C-alpha atoms as a PDB file:
ATOM      1  CA  UNK A   1      47.436   2.746  39.435  1.00  0.00           C
ATOM      2  CA  UNK A   2      49.346   1.994  42.673  1.00  0.00           C
ATOM      3  CA  UNK A   3      48.178   2.680  45.880  1.00  0.00           C
ATOM      4  CA  UNK A   4      50.392   2.705  48.907  1.00  0.00           C
ATOM      5  CA  UNK A   5      49.604   2.578  52.215  1.00  0.00           C
ATOM      6  CA  UNK A   6      52.366   3.950  54.869  1.00  0.00           C
ATOM      7  CA  UNK A   7      52.003   3.116  58.333  1.00  0.00           C
ATOM      8  CA  UNK A   8      53.939   3.606  61.307  1.00  0.00           C
ATOM      9  CA  UNK A   9      54.673   0.653  63.630  1.00  0.00           C
ATOM     10  CA  UNK A  10      53.368  -0.516  67.159  1.00  0.00           C
ATOM     11  CA  UNK A  11      54.340   1.015  69.921  1.00  0.00           C
ATOM     12  CA  UNK A  12      57.852   0.982  70.652  1.00  0.00           C
ATOM     13  CA  UNK A  13      60.144   2.032  73.655  1.00  0.00           C
ATOM     14  CA  UNK A  14      62.960   4.471  72.690  1.00  0.00           C
ATOM     15  CA  UNK A  15      65.163   3.437  75.310  1.00  0.00           C
ATOM     16  CA  UNK A  16      67.807   0.476  75.008  1.00  0.00           C
ATOM     17  CA  UNK A  17      69.323  -1.571  78.123  1.00  0.00           C
ATOM     18  CA  UNK A  18      72.533   0.278  78.992  1.00  0.00           C
ATOM     19  CA  UNK A  19      71.833   3.275  77.248  1.00  0.00           C
ATOM     20  CA  UNK A  20      70.061   6.932  78.205  1.00  0.00           C
ATOM     21  CA  UNK A  21      67.215   7.768  76.030  1.00  0.00           C
ATOM     22  CA  UNK A  22      69.590  10.386  74.289  1.00  0.00           C
ATOM     23  CA  UNK A  23      72.121   7.750  73.396  1.00  0.00           C
ATOM     24  CA  UNK A  24      68.858   5.154  72.117  1.00  0.00           C
ATOM     25  CA  UNK A  25      68.027   8.322  70.125  1.00  0.00           C
ATOM     26  CA  UNK A  26      71.479   8.795  68.680  1.00  0.00           C
ATOM     27  CA  UNK A  27      72.225   5.227  67.586  1.00  0.00           C
ATOM     28  CA  UNK A  28      68.670   4.910  65.818  1.00  0.00           C
ATOM     29  CA  UNK A  29      69.702   8.162  64.227  1.00  0.00           C
ATOM     30  CA  UNK A  30      72.631   6.914  63.031  1.00  0.00           C
ATOM     31  CA  UNK A  31      70.839   3.550  61.598  1.00  0.00           C
ATOM     32  CA  UNK A  32      72.787   1.524  63.937  1.00  0.00           C
ATOM     33  CA  UNK A  33      70.243  -0.355  65.989  1.00  0.00           C
ATOM     34  CA  UNK A  34      66.592  -0.027  65.887  1.00  0.00           C
ATOM     35  CA  UNK A  35      64.064  -0.700  68.829  1.00  0.00           C
ATOM     36  CA  UNK A  36      61.403  -3.201  69.232  1.00  0.00           C
ATOM     37  CA  UNK A  37      57.983  -3.137  69.654  1.00  0.00           C
ATOM     38  CA  UNK A  38      57.118  -2.728  73.217  1.00  0.00           C
ATOM     39  CA  UNK A  39      55.366  -5.904  73.973  1.00  0.00           C
ATOM     40  CA  UNK A  40      51.981  -4.361  73.794  1.00  0.00           C
ATOM     41  CA  UNK A  41      49.340  -6.277  72.008  1.00  0.00           C
ATOM     42  CA  UNK A  42      48.508  -4.620  68.235  1.00  0.00           C
ATOM     43  CA  UNK A  43      45.169  -3.445  67.505  1.00  0.00           C
ATOM     44  CA  UNK A  44      45.420  -3.729  63.928  1.00  0.00           C
ATOM     45  CA  UNK A  45      43.665  -1.159  61.514  1.00  0.00           C
ATOM     46  CA  UNK A  46      40.934  -2.717  59.244  1.00  0.00           C
ATOM     47  CA  UNK A  47      43.183  -1.813  55.874  1.00  0.00           C
ATOM     48  CA  UNK A  48      42.470  -3.763  52.603  1.00  0.00           C
ATOM     49  CA  UNK A  49      45.524  -4.433  50.814  1.00  0.00           C
ATOM     50  CA  UNK A  50      47.427  -7.176  48.127  1.00  0.00           C
ATOM     51  CA  UNK A  51      50.923  -6.974  50.068  1.00  0.00           C
ATOM     52  CA  UNK A  52      53.006  -6.100  52.817  1.00  0.00           C
ATOM     53  CA  UNK A  53      56.618  -4.332  52.883  1.00  0.00           C
ATOM     54  CA  UNK A  54      58.486  -2.709  55.498  1.00  0.00           C
ATOM     55  CA  UNK A  55      61.574  -1.190  56.578  1.00  0.00           C
ATOM     56  CA  UNK A  56      64.518  -3.609  57.771  1.00  0.00           C
ATOM     57  CA  UNK A  57      64.399  -1.937  61.555  1.00  0.00           C
ATOM     58  CA  UNK A  58      63.093  -4.093  64.358  1.00  0.00           C
ATOM     59  CA  UNK A  59      59.682  -2.452  65.350  1.00  0.00           C
ATOM     60  CA  UNK A  60      58.458  -2.534  61.345  1.00  0.00           C
ATOM     61  CA  UNK A  61      59.589  -6.343  60.641  1.00  0.00           C
ATOM     62  CA  UNK A  62      57.664  -6.826  64.271  1.00  0.00           C
ATOM     63  CA  UNK A  63      54.793  -5.006  63.099  1.00  0.00           C
ATOM     64  CA  UNK A  64      54.457  -6.529  59.840  1.00  0.00           C
ATOM     65  CA  UNK A  65      54.450  -9.846  61.435  1.00  0.00           C
ATOM     66  CA  UNK A  66      51.589  -8.812  63.044  1.00  0.00           C
ATOM     67  CA  UNK A  67      49.976  -8.297  59.544  1.00  0.00           C
ATOM     68  CA  UNK A  68      50.862 -11.275  58.091  1.00  0.00           C
ATOM     69  CA  UNK A  69      53.795 -14.273  57.845  1.00  0.00           C
ATOM     70  CA  UNK A  70      54.361 -12.889  53.906  1.00  0.00           C
ATOM     71  CA  UNK A  71      56.266  -9.366  53.516  1.00  0.00           C
ATOM     72  CA  UNK A  72      59.299  -8.064  51.963  1.00  0.00           C
ATOM     73  CA  UNK A  73      62.038  -5.859  53.303  1.00  0.00           C
ATOM     74  CA  UNK A  74      62.421  -2.837  51.387  1.00  0.00           C
ATOM     75  CA  UNK A  75      65.568  -0.770  52.316  1.00  0.00           C
ATOM     76  CA  UNK A  76      64.179   2.727  51.040  1.00  0.00           C
ATOM     77  CA  UNK A  77      61.900   2.509  53.709  1.00  0.00           C
ATOM     78  CA  UNK A  78      64.710   3.465  56.498  1.00  0.00           C
ATOM     79  CA  UNK A  79      64.462   7.065  57.943  1.00  0.00           C
ATOM     80  CA  UNK A  80      67.208   9.283  57.024  1.00  0.00           C
ATOM     81  CA  UNK A  81      70.154   9.310  59.059  1.00  0.00           C
ATOM     82  CA  UNK A  82      71.249  12.058  61.267  1.00  0.00           C
ATOM     83  CA  UNK A  83      73.705  13.320  63.789  1.00  0.00           C
ATOM     84  CA  UNK A  84      71.962  13.855  66.666  1.00  0.00           C
ATOM     85  CA  UNK A  85      74.337  15.887  68.269  1.00  0.00           C
ATOM     86  CA  UNK A  86      74.757  18.013  65.836  1.00  0.00           C
ATOM     87  CA  UNK A  87      71.092  18.637  66.144  1.00  0.00           C
ATOM     88  CA  UNK A  88      70.779  19.060  69.770  1.00  0.00           C
ATOM     89  CA  UNK A  89      73.037  18.621  72.895  1.00  0.00           C
ATOM     90  CA  UNK A  90      72.773  15.553  75.343  1.00  0.00           C
ATOM     91  CA  UNK A  91      72.599  18.106  78.161  1.00  0.00           C
ATOM     92  CA  UNK A  92      70.247  20.470  76.304  1.00  0.00           C
ATOM     93  CA  UNK A  93      67.941  17.344  75.583  1.00  0.00           C
ATOM     94  CA  UNK A  94      68.063  16.388  79.352  1.00  0.00           C
ATOM     95  CA  UNK A  95      67.193  19.872  80.654  1.00  0.00           C
ATOM     96  CA  UNK A  96      64.050  20.055  78.049  1.00  0.00           C
ATOM     97  CA  UNK A  97      62.301  17.053  79.669  1.00  0.00           C
ATOM     98  CA  UNK A  98      59.116  16.483  78.607  1.00  0.00           C
ATOM     99  CA  UNK A  99      59.579  19.019  75.385  1.00  0.00           C
ATOM    100  CA  UNK A 100      62.690  17.174  74.194  1.00  0.00           C
ATOM    101  CA  UNK A 101      61.108  15.713  71.475  1.00  0.00           C
ATOM    102  CA  UNK A 102      59.377  18.720  70.557  1.00  0.00           C
ATOM    103  CA  UNK A 103      62.454  20.797  70.026  1.00  0.00           C
ATOM    104  CA  UNK A 104      64.015  17.823  68.062  1.00  0.00           C
ATOM    105  CA  UNK A 105      61.246  17.337  65.782  1.00  0.00           C
ATOM    106  CA  UNK A 106      61.695  20.815  64.941  1.00  0.00           C
ATOM    107  CA  UNK A 107      65.344  20.923  64.441  1.00  0.00           C
ATOM    108  CA  UNK A 108      65.630  17.953  62.702  1.00  0.00           C
ATOM    109  CA  UNK A 109      63.042  19.344  59.818  1.00  0.00           C
ATOM    110  CA  UNK A 110      64.889  22.563  59.710  1.00  0.00           C
ATOM    111  CA  UNK A 111      68.526  20.273  59.347  1.00  0.00           C
ATOM    112  CA  UNK A 112      66.494  18.276  56.447  1.00  0.00           C
ATOM    113  CA  UNK A 113      65.572  21.698  54.607  1.00  0.00           C
ATOM    114  CA  UNK A 114      68.545  22.883  54.959  1.00  0.00           C
ATOM    115  CA  UNK A 115      70.268  19.492  53.873  1.00  0.00           C
ATOM    116  CA  UNK A 116      72.132  19.326  56.852  1.00  0.00           C
ATOM    117  CA  UNK A 117      71.471  15.710  57.692  1.00  0.00           C
ATOM    118  CA  UNK A 118      74.187  12.899  57.069  1.00  0.00           C
ATOM    119  CA  UNK A 119      71.873  11.689  54.028  1.00  0.00           C
ATOM    120  CA  UNK A 120      71.241  14.396  51.431  1.00  0.00           C
ATOM    121  CA  UNK A 121      67.586  15.460  51.723  1.00  0.00           C
ATOM    122  CA  UNK A 122      67.316  14.526  47.897  1.00  0.00           C
ATOM    123  CA  UNK A 123      67.074  11.279  48.979  1.00  0.00           C
ATOM    124  CA  UNK A 124      63.209  11.207  49.580  1.00  0.00           C
ATOM    125  CA  UNK A 125      62.702  11.719  45.722  1.00  0.00           C
ATOM    126  CA  UNK A 126      65.456   8.612  44.875  1.00  0.00           C
ATOM    127  CA  UNK A 127      63.758   6.162  47.855  1.00  0.00           C
ATOM    128  CA  UNK A 128      59.721   7.171  46.854  1.00  0.00           C
ATOM    129  CA  UNK A 129      60.419   6.727  43.147  1.00  0.00           C
ATOM    130  CA  UNK A 130      62.281   3.489  43.464  1.00  0.00           C
ATOM    131  CA  UNK A 131      59.784   2.160  46.025  1.00  0.00           C
ATOM    132  CA  UNK A 132      56.942   3.277  43.741  1.00  0.00           C
ATOM    133  CA  UNK A 133      59.073   1.600  40.538  1.00  0.00           C
ATOM    134  CA  UNK A 134      59.139  -1.886  42.748  1.00  0.00           C
ATOM    135  CA  UNK A 135      55.752  -2.043  43.319  1.00  0.00           C
ATOM    136  CA  UNK A 136      53.246  -3.989  40.675  1.00  0.00           C
ATOM    137  CA  UNK A 137      50.499  -1.898  38.862  1.00  0.00           C
ATOM    138  CA  UNK A 138      47.098  -1.985  40.074  1.00  0.00           C
ATOM    139  CA  UNK A 139      48.008  -2.896  43.691  1.00  0.00           C
ATOM    140  CA  UNK A 140      47.533  -1.669  47.137  1.00  0.00           C
ATOM    141  CA  UNK A 141      50.926  -2.020  49.354  1.00  0.00           C
ATOM    142  CA  UNK A 142      50.725  -1.815  52.681  1.00  0.00           C
ATOM    143  CA  UNK A 143      54.180   0.041  53.678  1.00  0.00           C
ATOM    144  CA  UNK A 144      55.163   0.117  57.447  1.00  0.00           C
ATOM    145  CA  UNK A 145      58.051   2.386  58.106  1.00  0.00           C
ATOM    146  CA  UNK A 146      59.020   5.299  60.261  1.00  0.00           C
ATOM    147  CA  UNK A 147      56.926   8.235  60.877  1.00  0.00           C
ATOM    148  CA  UNK A 148      59.766  10.989  59.865  1.00  0.00           C
ATOM    149  CA  UNK A 149      60.156   9.242  56.384  1.00  0.00           C
ATOM    150  CA  UNK A 150      56.678   8.832  55.897  1.00  0.00           C
ATOM    151  CA  UNK A 151      55.783  12.339  56.845  1.00  0.00           C
ATOM    152  CA  UNK A 152      58.694  13.610  54.140  1.00  0.00           C
ATOM    153  CA  UNK A 153      57.237  11.191  51.270  1.00  0.00           C
ATOM    154  CA  UNK A 154      53.711  13.029  51.832  1.00  0.00           C
ATOM    155  CA  UNK A 155      55.208  16.176  51.401  1.00  0.00           C
ATOM    156  CA  UNK A 156      56.970  15.370  48.417  1.00  0.00           C
ATOM    157  CA  UNK A 157      54.049  13.616  47.265  1.00  0.00           C
ATOM    158  CA  UNK A 158      51.836  17.005  47.859  1.00  0.00           C
ATOM    159  CA  UNK A 159      54.724  19.542  47.084  1.00  0.00           C
ATOM    160  CA  UNK A 160      56.997  18.259  45.242  1.00  0.00           C
ATOM    161  CA  UNK A 161      60.110  20.559  44.141  1.00  0.00           C
ATOM    162  CA  UNK A 162      58.187  23.053  46.905  1.00  0.00           C
ATOM    163  CA  UNK A 163      59.477  20.800  49.308  1.00  0.00           C
ATOM    164  CA  UNK A 164      62.843  21.937  49.091  1.00  0.00           C
ATOM    165  CA  UNK A 165      62.006  25.943  48.741  1.00  0.00           C
ATOM    166  CA  UNK A 166      59.050  26.498  50.752  1.00  0.00           C
ATOM    167  CA  UNK A 167      59.862  25.738  54.677  1.00  0.00           C
ATOM    168  CA  UNK A 168      56.144  26.766  55.773  1.00  0.00           C
ATOM    169  CA  UNK A 169      54.129  24.196  53.281  1.00  0.00           C
ATOM    170  CA  UNK A 170      56.870  21.661  54.415  1.00  0.00           C
ATOM    171  CA  UNK A 171      56.092  22.207  58.311  1.00  0.00           C
ATOM    172  CA  UNK A 172      52.401  22.336  57.736  1.00  0.00           C
ATOM    173  CA  UNK A 173      52.490  18.695  56.303  1.00  0.00           C
ATOM    174  CA  UNK A 174      55.177  17.526  58.892  1.00  0.00           C
ATOM    175  CA  UNK A 175      53.692  19.721  61.826  1.00  0.00           C
ATOM    176  CA  UNK A 176      57.004  19.399  63.948  1.00  0.00           C
ATOM    177  CA  UNK A 177      55.453  21.089  66.797  1.00  0.00           C
ATOM    178  CA  UNK A 178      54.061  17.923  67.755  1.00  0.00           C
ATOM    179  CA  UNK A 179      54.188  13.968  67.631  1.00  0.00           C
ATOM    180  CA  UNK A 180      54.774  13.460  63.644  1.00  0.00           C
ATOM    181  CA  UNK A 181      52.603  10.559  63.129  1.00  0.00           C
ATOM    182  CA  UNK A 182      50.530   8.053  65.809  1.00  0.00           C
ATOM    183  CA  UNK A 183      51.256   4.328  66.487  1.00  0.00           C
ATOM    184  CA  UNK A 184      49.710   2.675  63.294  1.00  0.00           C
ATOM    185  CA  UNK A 185      48.715   6.035  61.867  1.00  0.00           C
ATOM    186  CA  UNK A 186      48.323   5.684  57.901  1.00  0.00           C
ATOM    187  CA  UNK A 187      48.830   8.039  55.285  1.00  0.00           C
ATOM    188  CA  UNK A 188      47.704   6.840  51.504  1.00  0.00           C
ATOM    189  CA  UNK A 189      49.767   8.075  48.254  1.00  0.00           C
ATOM    190  CA  UNK A 190      47.851   7.026  45.308  1.00  0.00           C
ATOM    191  CA  UNK A 191      50.174   6.989  42.019  1.00  0.00           C
ATOM    192  CA  UNK A 192      48.180   7.160  38.824  1.00  0.00           C
END
């Protein structure tokens, strides 16, 4: 049995110096740069694990360091890349104000379902399977990653191929109408 406890990073500041918020999100969506933690002290949840793995992004590596000095970086834990400008324009994003992220999440999920991201939506299966293969038997692994990817892994784990054919079921897991996952929120997957 393999148990993976996926966890999001600590609190981050989405906006980079010398970038607007939209430009910062665009760069992150392309996988060019990732923000780090905002400096707030992390109150670690009480989680028992054998090993830690994390995405190579700044916020995930910094979060992993808060849990332990020993962890491994796994590329499979990076979010799927997407072109923000194809999902929402800068003008629309700015006009939406506080609702911008709500619209972005909903359109991102639609683009994922319609296989219109930069990386194909089947990449989720490949990444999850590669990740599972790399983990030792009879272990519990803490995997620090990004909310969208974690929810996509959870959706595939629960729905298998229906994830690609039933948008309503995918939406029920992803819940794009609200923040996808809170900071340091977890999702457990058990592989028998």
